[in-house]
Amino acid sequence: MLRYEIKKVFSKSKNRIAVIVLFVILVITSILTINRVEYVDENGNHSVGISAARDLRQAKNEWAGYLTEDTLSKVLEENKTINNSKEALSDDITEQNKAYAKKQGIASIIDVINQAFSKYRDYNYYAADNVSTDEVGTIYERRISTLQEWLDSGEETFTQKEKDFMIQKYEDLETPFYYEYMDGWTALLQNISTFILILALVIGFFVSGIFSDEFQAKADSIFFSTRFGRSRGISAKVGAGFCITTGFYVIFVLLYTFIVLFVLGADGANCPIQLDLWRSVYNITFLQAYLFIVLGGYIGTIFASTLAMLVSALTRSTPTAIIVPFIVLCAFPFLSRIITLPGLCSFFPDQLLEIYLDIKESGLMTLGGKVTTIATVIVPVYAVICLIFQPVLYKVYKRVEIK
């Protein structure tokens, strides 16, 4: 019965076309993500793709290792040498690109130094040019002191407990950072939320007719009059929705991840996320951030698709159910921009697909006197809601009356 329900969904031409469209979106999104990684050769020419990732990996991994004071000092010396070269001092853009080509191996480390010697909410692109070798070893201490200065400035609205939480998280971060080529993960994390959003909308389209199609086809009287129509038949429909949602989510997220990391490389999975998101209070690696984002996206997709099926069962209308995932995942973010309830907006279900932004911006909340991040709360909360929705969906459809 489960196989039959799944087969019914994909026997429709519109759903088959949607699968093809999803594959096209996968290819396009993968290409756009891959093209985020660029390499400049010694002649100042730009390139993207496999060769660019390979060359950039080789350049950055020459500096692979822990960012100790000695390593940071060598980076400053290398940066100074390149900045004083005739190519860097030239007014010709091609010559400047040649100078940048020599700097690509240390560019991410220079970015870390710039972050450390900039104000908390600012970024000074040239900060590293004015840092001495005696100062550069203090970047980890400056990360904490810069946050403390910003918290004491009065430019924010955190409570004292939230301030203490942020400071403690900063102090708990393991240092020195381990550095290696990580651009594959950086590009993947920056684009994966958009891909998951599109995937969730398409999955919602697939499952929106599982319950209402019986009424559209005038087959509801036959379905509910069968021996197992109000028991195993409904269970099969609920199971089909869950299997389609889970199956498509896992397959396409894994395909997207495989394509991007196969081309760009999976190096740097265990590097701290702060090498890219300097201000984050999440003391996690790129791999852990990826798993957290994917988990949040999965729960958000399950929530939206289950809600669509619930509306489908209640309204007996497939078009109405199709609109639900769009409202939940797209309209809510728009709503959060025009209403003045930032605390409430942080708990909208669309935030499950924006875990990357929470890791980046570190939204905080106080729950039971304990401070934590918003994402660590909404993920388990919506997971429980999704579990509750399953029996609710079953009971709603079971009590449907034949008209």
Protein backbone atom coordinates (compact mmCIF):
# COMPACT_ATOMS: atom_id res chain seq x y z
CA MET A 1 0.00 0.00 0.00
CA LEU A 2 2.90 2.33 0.76
CA ARG A 3 4.51 1.63 -2.62
CA TYR A 4 1.16 2.17 -4.30
CA GLU A 5 0.69 5.59 -2.68
CA ILE A 6 4.19 6.68 -3.71
CA LYS A 7 3.58 5.36 -7.23
CA LYS A 8 0.36 7.38 -7.42
CA VAL A 9 2.25 10.58 -6.66
CA PHE A 10 4.76 10.10 -9.46
CA SER A 11 2.28 8.73 -11.96
CA LYS A 12 1.20 12.34 -12.53
CA SER A 13 2.95 14.09 -15.38
CA LYS A 14 3.22 17.37 -13.42
CA ASN A 15 5.17 15.65 -10.64
CA ARG A 16 7.46 13.95 -13.16
CA ILE A 17 8.16 17.32 -14.74
CA ALA A 18 8.86 18.72 -11.26
CA VAL A 19 11.50 16.01 -10.73
CA ILE A 20 13.20 17.01 -13.99
CA VAL A 21 13.07 20.68 -12.97
CA LEU A 22 14.62 19.75 -9.61
CA PHE A 23 17.55 18.07 -11.36
CA VAL A 24 18.03 21.17 -13.52
CA ILE A 25 18.01 23.35 -10.38
CA LEU A 26 20.54 21.00 -8.80
CA VAL A 27 22.91 21.45 -11.75
CA ILE A 28 22.49 25.23 -11.91
CA THR A 29 22.91 25.71 -8.14
CA SER A 30 25.96 23.44 -8.11
CA ILE A 31 27.59 25.44 -10.91
CA LEU A 32 26.86 28.74 -9.16
CA THR A 33 28.35 27.38 -5.93
CA ILE A 34 31.43 26.00 -7.65
CA ASN A 35 32.00 29.33 -9.40
CA ARG A 36 32.31 31.07 -6.03
CA VAL A 37 35.85 29.71 -5.80
CA GLU A 38 38.23 31.62 -8.05
CA TYR A 39 41.94 31.43 -8.70
CA VAL A 40 44.26 34.03 -10.20
CA ASP A 41 47.35 32.68 -11.97
CA GLU A 42 50.78 34.32 -12.15
CA ASN A 43 49.71 36.22 -15.29
CA GLY A 44 46.71 37.78 -13.54
CA ASN A 45 44.09 35.63 -15.29
CA HIS A 46 41.01 34.48 -13.39
CA SER A 47 39.63 30.93 -13.51
CA VAL A 48 36.94 28.86 -11.78
CA GLY A 49 36.11 25.19 -11.60
CA ILE A 50 38.20 22.10 -10.95
CA SER A 51 41.54 23.56 -12.02
CA ALA A 52 40.97 26.74 -9.98
CA ALA A 53 40.12 24.73 -6.86
CA ARG A 54 43.17 22.50 -7.37
CA ASP A 55 45.57 25.43 -7.74
CA LEU A 56 44.04 27.37 -4.85
CA ARG A 57 44.22 24.27 -2.63
CA GLN A 58 47.90 23.88 -3.42
CA ALA A 59 48.59 27.55 -2.65
CA LYS A 60 46.72 27.57 0.66
CA ASN A 61 47.96 24.21 1.90
CA GLU A 62 51.53 25.49 1.72
CA TRP A 63 50.54 27.40 4.84
CA ALA A 64 48.55 24.57 6.42
CA GLY A 65 49.00 24.18 10.15
CA TYR A 66 48.16 25.91 13.41
CA LEU A 67 48.02 29.71 13.33
CA THR A 68 50.61 30.28 16.02
CA GLU A 69 52.40 33.57 16.62
CA ASP A 70 55.34 32.37 14.54
CA THR A 71 53.12 31.46 11.58
CA LEU A 72 51.17 34.72 11.81
CA SER A 73 54.43 36.69 11.85
CA LYS A 74 55.61 34.92 8.70
CA VAL A 75 52.28 35.73 7.06
CA LEU A 76 52.73 39.42 7.87
CA GLU A 77 56.22 39.41 6.42
CA GLU A 78 55.01 37.69 3.26
CA ASN A 79 52.12 40.15 2.98
CA LYS A 80 54.48 43.12 3.40
CA THR A 81 56.85 41.77 0.75
CA ILE A 82 54.02 41.32 -1.76
CA ASN A 83 52.55 44.76 -0.99
CA ASN A 84 55.94 46.37 -1.71
CA SER A 85 56.44 44.53 -5.00
CA LYS A 86 56.37 46.44 -8.27
CA GLU A 87 53.23 44.58 -9.33
CA ALA A 88 51.30 45.66 -6.23
CA LEU A 89 52.47 49.27 -6.55
CA SER A 90 51.54 49.46 -10.22
CA ASP A 91 48.44 51.33 -11.39
CA ASP A 92 47.74 48.63 -13.96
CA ILE A 93 44.97 46.24 -12.88
CA THR A 94 46.67 43.27 -14.53
CA GLU A 95 49.85 43.89 -12.57
CA GLN A 96 47.84 44.20 -9.37
CA ASN A 97 46.19 40.87 -10.14
CA LYS A 98 49.65 39.34 -10.49
CA ALA A 99 50.47 40.61 -7.02
CA TYR A 100 47.24 39.18 -5.64
CA ALA A 101 48.08 35.83 -7.22
CA LYS A 102 51.08 35.63 -4.90
CA LYS A 103 48.88 36.42 -1.90
CA GLN A 104 46.18 33.77 -2.40
CA GLY A 105 47.84 31.24 -0.14
CA ILE A 106 47.66 33.62 2.83
CA ALA A 107 44.53 35.56 1.87
CA SER A 108 42.29 33.77 4.40
CA ILE A 109 44.86 34.23 7.17
CA ILE A 110 45.14 37.93 6.32
CA ASP A 111 41.35 38.08 6.55
CA VAL A 112 41.51 36.63 10.08
CA ILE A 113 44.10 39.24 11.08
CA ASN A 114 41.96 42.00 9.56
CA GLN A 115 38.96 40.78 11.56
CA ALA A 116 40.97 40.68 14.79
CA PHE A 117 42.23 44.23 14.39
CA SER A 118 38.91 45.71 13.28
CA LYS A 119 36.04 46.86 15.45
CA TYR A 120 33.41 44.24 16.25
CA ARG A 121 30.84 45.34 13.65
CA ASP A 122 33.35 46.79 11.15
CA TYR A 123 35.91 45.32 8.79
CA ASN A 124 39.15 47.09 7.94
CA TYR A 125 40.49 45.56 4.73
CA TYR A 126 43.92 47.07 5.30
CA ALA A 127 44.26 46.40 9.03
CA ALA A 128 46.90 43.69 8.55
CA ASP A 129 49.11 46.15 6.67
CA ASN A 130 49.56 48.17 9.87
CA VAL A 131 49.99 45.31 12.35
CA SER A 132 53.43 44.57 13.76
CA THR A 133 54.84 41.08 14.31
CA ASP A 134 54.73 41.75 18.06
CA GLU A 135 50.99 42.47 17.95
CA VAL A 136 49.81 39.76 15.57
CA GLY A 137 50.14 36.98 18.15
CA THR A 138 47.33 38.57 20.18
CA ILE A 139 44.55 37.92 17.64
CA TYR A 140 42.79 35.39 19.88
CA GLU A 141 42.87 37.70 22.88
CA ARG A 142 41.75 40.61 20.71
CA ARG A 143 38.75 38.58 19.52
CA ILE A 144 37.55 38.48 23.13
CA SER A 145 38.51 42.06 24.03
CA THR A 146 36.88 43.48 20.89
CA LEU A 147 33.62 41.73 21.78
CA GLN A 148 33.87 43.01 25.35
CA GLU A 149 34.40 46.58 24.14
CA TRP A 150 31.37 46.35 21.88
CA LEU A 151 29.18 44.91 24.64
CA ASP A 152 30.25 47.73 26.95
CA SER A 153 29.67 50.41 24.30
CA GLY A 154 25.90 50.49 24.71
CA GLU A 155 25.34 49.85 20.99
CA GLU A 156 23.51 46.59 21.72
CA THR A 157 20.54 45.43 23.83
CA PHE A 158 21.81 42.18 25.34
CA THR A 159 21.07 41.34 28.95
CA GLN A 160 23.96 40.77 31.35
CA LYS A 161 23.43 37.00 31.16
CA GLU A 162 23.58 37.10 27.37
CA LYS A 163 26.76 39.16 27.51
CA ASP A 164 28.32 36.68 29.91
CA PHE A 165 27.23 33.82 27.64
CA MET A 166 28.92 35.35 24.59
CA ILE A 167 32.12 36.11 26.46
CA GLN A 168 32.22 32.58 27.86
CA LYS A 169 31.73 31.07 24.40
CA TYR A 170 34.56 33.19 23.03
CA GLU A 171 36.83 32.15 25.89
CA ASP A 172 35.95 28.45 25.43
CA LEU A 173 36.99 28.42 21.78
CA GLU A 174 40.04 26.22 21.28
CA THR A 175 43.07 28.12 19.98
CA PRO A 176 45.28 28.38 18.01
CA PHE A 177 43.13 27.73 14.95
CA TYR A 178 44.12 25.00 12.55
CA TYR A 179 44.29 26.33 9.01
CA GLU A 180 44.16 24.68 5.61
CA TYR A 181 42.29 25.05 2.32
CA MET A 182 38.58 25.17 3.21
CA ASP A 183 37.01 27.07 0.32
CA GLY A 184 34.89 24.08 -0.72
CA TRP A 185 33.10 24.08 2.62
CA THR A 186 32.85 27.87 2.65
CA ALA A 187 31.12 27.94 -0.73
CA LEU A 188 28.89 25.00 0.20
CA LEU A 189 27.65 26.54 3.46
CA GLN A 190 26.98 29.92 1.86
CA ASN A 191 24.67 28.48 -0.81
CA ILE A 192 23.15 25.36 0.73
CA SER A 193 20.30 27.20 2.49
CA THR A 194 19.01 28.52 -0.83
CA PHE A 195 19.11 25.06 -2.37
CA ILE A 196 17.31 23.53 0.63
CA LEU A 197 14.58 26.19 0.37
CA ILE A 198 13.94 25.34 -3.30
CA LEU A 199 14.03 21.63 -2.48
CA ALA A 200 11.51 22.08 0.35
CA LEU A 201 9.08 23.95 -1.93
CA VAL A 202 9.26 21.23 -4.61
CA ILE A 203 8.76 18.48 -2.02
CA GLY A 204 5.72 20.35 -0.71
CA PHE A 205 4.39 20.34 -4.27
CA PHE A 206 4.84 16.55 -4.45
CA VAL A 207 2.98 15.70 -1.23
CA SER A 208 0.22 18.32 -1.41
CA GLY A 209 -2.14 16.02 -3.30
CA ILE A 210 -1.67 12.78 -1.37
CA PHE A 211 -4.86 13.29 0.65
CA SER A 212 -6.92 15.68 -1.44
CA ASP A 213 -6.55 13.77 -4.71
CA GLU A 214 -9.04 11.16 -3.51
CA PHE A 215 -11.68 13.88 -3.46
CA GLN A 216 -10.55 15.46 -6.72
CA ALA A 217 -10.86 12.09 -8.46
CA LYS A 218 -14.23 11.39 -6.76
CA ALA A 219 -12.71 8.20 -5.33
CA ASP A 220 -13.18 9.09 -1.66
CA SER A 221 -16.35 7.00 -1.27
CA ILE A 222 -14.53 3.93 -2.55
CA PHE A 223 -11.41 4.58 -0.49
CA PHE A 224 -13.24 5.03 2.82
CA SER A 225 -15.64 2.15 2.23
CA THR A 226 -12.86 -0.44 1.89
CA ARG A 227 -11.89 -2.63 4.83
CA PHE A 228 -8.64 -0.84 5.60
CA GLY A 229 -9.52 2.54 4.11
CA ARG A 230 -9.70 4.31 7.48
CA SER A 231 -6.73 2.50 9.00
CA ARG A 232 -3.92 1.06 6.90
CA GLY A 233 -4.90 3.12 3.89
CA ILE A 234 -4.45 6.38 5.81
CA SER A 235 -1.25 5.09 7.42
CA ALA A 236 0.10 4.37 3.94
CA LYS A 237 -0.65 7.94 2.88
CA VAL A 238 1.07 9.40 5.95
CA GLY A 239 4.01 7.05 5.37
CA ALA A 240 4.19 7.95 1.69
CA GLY A 241 4.41 11.64 2.53
CA PHE A 242 7.17 11.01 5.04
CA CYS A 243 9.11 8.73 2.68
CA ILE A 244 8.88 11.14 -0.25
CA THR A 245 9.96 14.06 1.90
CA THR A 246 12.85 12.19 3.51
CA GLY A 247 13.93 10.40 0.35
CA PHE A 248 14.05 13.46 -1.88
CA TYR A 249 15.65 15.60 0.80
CA VAL A 250 18.43 13.12 1.55
CA ILE A 251 19.12 12.25 -2.09
CA PHE A 252 19.27 15.80 -3.42
CA VAL A 253 21.17 17.29 -0.47
CA LEU A 254 23.74 14.49 -0.76
CA LEU A 255 23.96 14.97 -4.54
CA TYR A 256 24.48 18.71 -4.14
CA THR A 257 27.07 18.19 -1.43
CA PHE A 258 28.90 15.51 -3.41
CA ILE A 259 29.06 17.60 -6.59
CA VAL A 260 30.35 20.71 -4.82
CA LEU A 261 32.92 18.96 -2.63
CA PHE A 262 34.02 16.63 -5.44
CA VAL A 263 34.91 19.65 -7.57
CA LEU A 264 36.10 22.05 -4.87
CA GLY A 265 37.53 19.53 -2.39
CA ALA A 266 36.50 18.54 1.11
CA ASP A 267 39.69 19.79 2.80
CA GLY A 268 39.19 21.88 5.92
CA ALA A 269 36.20 19.99 7.30
CA ASN A 270 37.69 20.07 10.81
CA CYS A 271 38.80 23.70 10.72
CA PRO A 272 36.92 26.04 13.12
CA ILE A 273 34.00 27.92 11.58
CA GLN A 274 35.53 31.16 12.92
CA LEU A 275 38.03 31.12 10.04
CA ASP A 276 35.08 32.18 7.90
CA LEU A 277 32.54 33.47 10.45
CA TRP A 278 34.81 35.29 12.88
CA ARG A 279 32.09 36.57 15.24
CA SER A 280 30.18 33.28 15.63
CA VAL A 281 29.60 31.99 19.18
CA TYR A 282 29.27 28.44 17.86
CA ASN A 283 32.48 26.60 18.69
CA ILE A 284 32.12 24.10 15.88
CA THR A 285 33.93 22.98 12.73
CA PHE A 286 32.82 23.39 9.12
CA LEU A 287 31.62 19.78 9.06
CA GLN A 288 29.59 20.22 12.24
CA ALA A 289 28.09 23.46 10.90
CA TYR A 290 27.12 21.63 7.71
CA LEU A 291 25.41 18.81 9.63
CA PHE A 292 23.55 21.32 11.80
CA ILE A 293 22.34 23.27 8.76
CA VAL A 294 21.21 20.08 6.99
CA LEU A 295 19.40 18.85 10.12
CA GLY A 296 17.58 22.16 10.53
CA GLY A 297 16.65 22.15 6.84
CA TYR A 298 15.31 18.61 7.08
CA ILE A 299 13.08 19.39 10.05
CA GLY A 300 11.88 22.57 8.34
CA THR A 301 11.06 20.59 5.19
CA ILE A 302 9.23 17.90 7.19
CA PHE A 303 7.24 20.60 8.99
CA ALA A 304 6.23 22.40 5.80
CA SER A 305 5.31 19.22 3.91
CA THR A 306 3.35 17.78 6.85
CA LEU A 307 1.46 21.04 7.23
CA ALA A 308 0.69 20.96 3.50
CA MET A 309 -0.70 17.43 3.83
CA LEU A 310 -2.76 18.48 6.85
CA VAL A 311 -4.28 21.38 4.90
CA SER A 312 -4.85 18.98 1.99
CA ALA A 313 -6.83 16.65 4.27
CA LEU A 314 -8.84 19.47 5.85
CA THR A 315 -9.67 21.51 2.74
CA ARG A 316 -9.74 18.68 0.17
CA SER A 317 -7.97 21.13 -2.15
CA THR A 318 -4.58 20.41 -3.71
CA PRO A 319 -3.95 24.01 -4.90
CA THR A 320 -4.55 25.30 -1.37
CA ALA A 321 -2.11 22.76 0.04
CA ILE A 322 0.54 23.70 -2.55
CA ILE A 323 0.48 27.29 -1.29
CA VAL A 324 1.20 26.27 2.32
CA PRO A 325 4.96 25.54 1.98
CA PHE A 326 5.37 28.86 0.16
CA ILE A 327 3.62 30.72 2.98
CA VAL A 328 5.57 28.92 5.71
CA LEU A 329 9.00 29.20 4.09
CA CYS A 330 8.79 32.37 1.95
CA ALA A 331 5.99 34.62 3.22
CA PHE A 332 7.05 34.44 6.87
CA PRO A 333 10.53 35.91 6.16
CA PHE A 334 8.83 38.81 4.35
CA LEU A 335 6.43 39.24 7.25
CA SER A 336 9.34 39.40 9.70
CA ARG A 337 10.63 42.48 7.85
CA ILE A 338 7.46 44.50 8.17
CA ILE A 339 6.30 43.69 11.70
CA THR A 340 8.03 44.81 14.88
CA LEU A 341 8.21 41.48 16.69
CA PRO A 342 11.82 40.34 16.26
CA GLY A 343 11.58 37.87 19.15
CA LEU A 344 8.54 36.16 17.66
CA CYS A 345 9.97 36.18 14.15
CA SER A 346 12.98 34.24 15.40
CA PHE A 347 10.67 31.29 16.04
CA PHE A 348 9.02 31.25 12.61
CA PRO A 349 9.57 27.89 10.83
CA ASP A 350 11.51 29.55 8.00
CA GLN A 351 14.35 30.01 10.50
CA LEU A 352 14.99 26.26 10.31
CA LEU A 353 16.27 26.83 6.79
CA GLU A 354 18.39 29.79 7.91
CA ILE A 355 20.65 28.01 10.40
CA TYR A 356 23.69 29.38 8.54
CA LEU A 357 22.62 32.94 9.36
CA ASP A 358 22.13 32.01 13.01
CA ILE A 359 25.62 30.51 13.12
CA LYS A 360 26.92 33.71 11.53
CA GLU A 361 24.99 36.27 13.57
CA SER A 362 24.50 34.24 16.78
CA GLY A 363 20.93 35.05 17.76
CA LEU A 364 20.43 34.56 21.51
CA MET A 365 17.48 33.88 23.79
CA THR A 366 16.94 33.19 27.48
CA LEU A 367 14.95 30.07 28.34
CA GLY A 368 14.30 29.13 31.95
CA GLY A 369 17.01 31.49 33.12
CA LYS A 370 19.55 29.88 30.82
CA VAL A 371 20.98 31.65 27.76
CA THR A 372 21.32 29.72 24.52
CA THR A 373 21.25 30.27 20.78
CA ILE A 374 17.95 30.38 18.91
CA ALA A 375 18.82 27.57 16.49
CA THR A 376 19.59 25.11 19.28
CA VAL A 377 16.05 25.71 20.59
CA ILE A 378 13.92 25.79 17.45
CA VAL A 379 15.44 22.64 15.92
CA PRO A 380 14.33 20.25 18.72
CA VAL A 381 11.06 22.17 19.28
CA TYR A 382 9.99 21.79 15.65
CA ALA A 383 11.21 18.19 15.63
CA VAL A 384 8.72 17.45 18.42
CA ILE A 385 5.98 19.38 16.58
CA CYS A 386 6.61 17.30 13.45
CA LEU A 387 6.23 14.10 15.47
CA ILE A 388 2.96 15.36 16.97
CA PHE A 389 1.65 16.28 13.51
CA GLN A 390 1.83 12.68 12.26
CA PRO A 391 -0.94 11.19 14.47
CA VAL A 392 -2.92 14.43 14.12
CA LEU A 393 -2.79 14.06 10.35
CA TYR A 394 -3.92 10.45 10.64
CA LYS A 395 -6.88 11.30 12.89
CA VAL A 396 -7.99 14.27 10.78
CA TYR A 397 -8.22 12.19 7.63
CA LYS A 398 -9.76 9.24 9.44
CA ARG A 399 -12.70 11.38 10.56
CA VAL A 400 -13.40 12.77 7.12
CA GLU A 401 -17.02 12.42 6.11
CA ILE A 402 -18.04 11.25 2.66
CA LYS A 403 -20.17 13.82 0.87
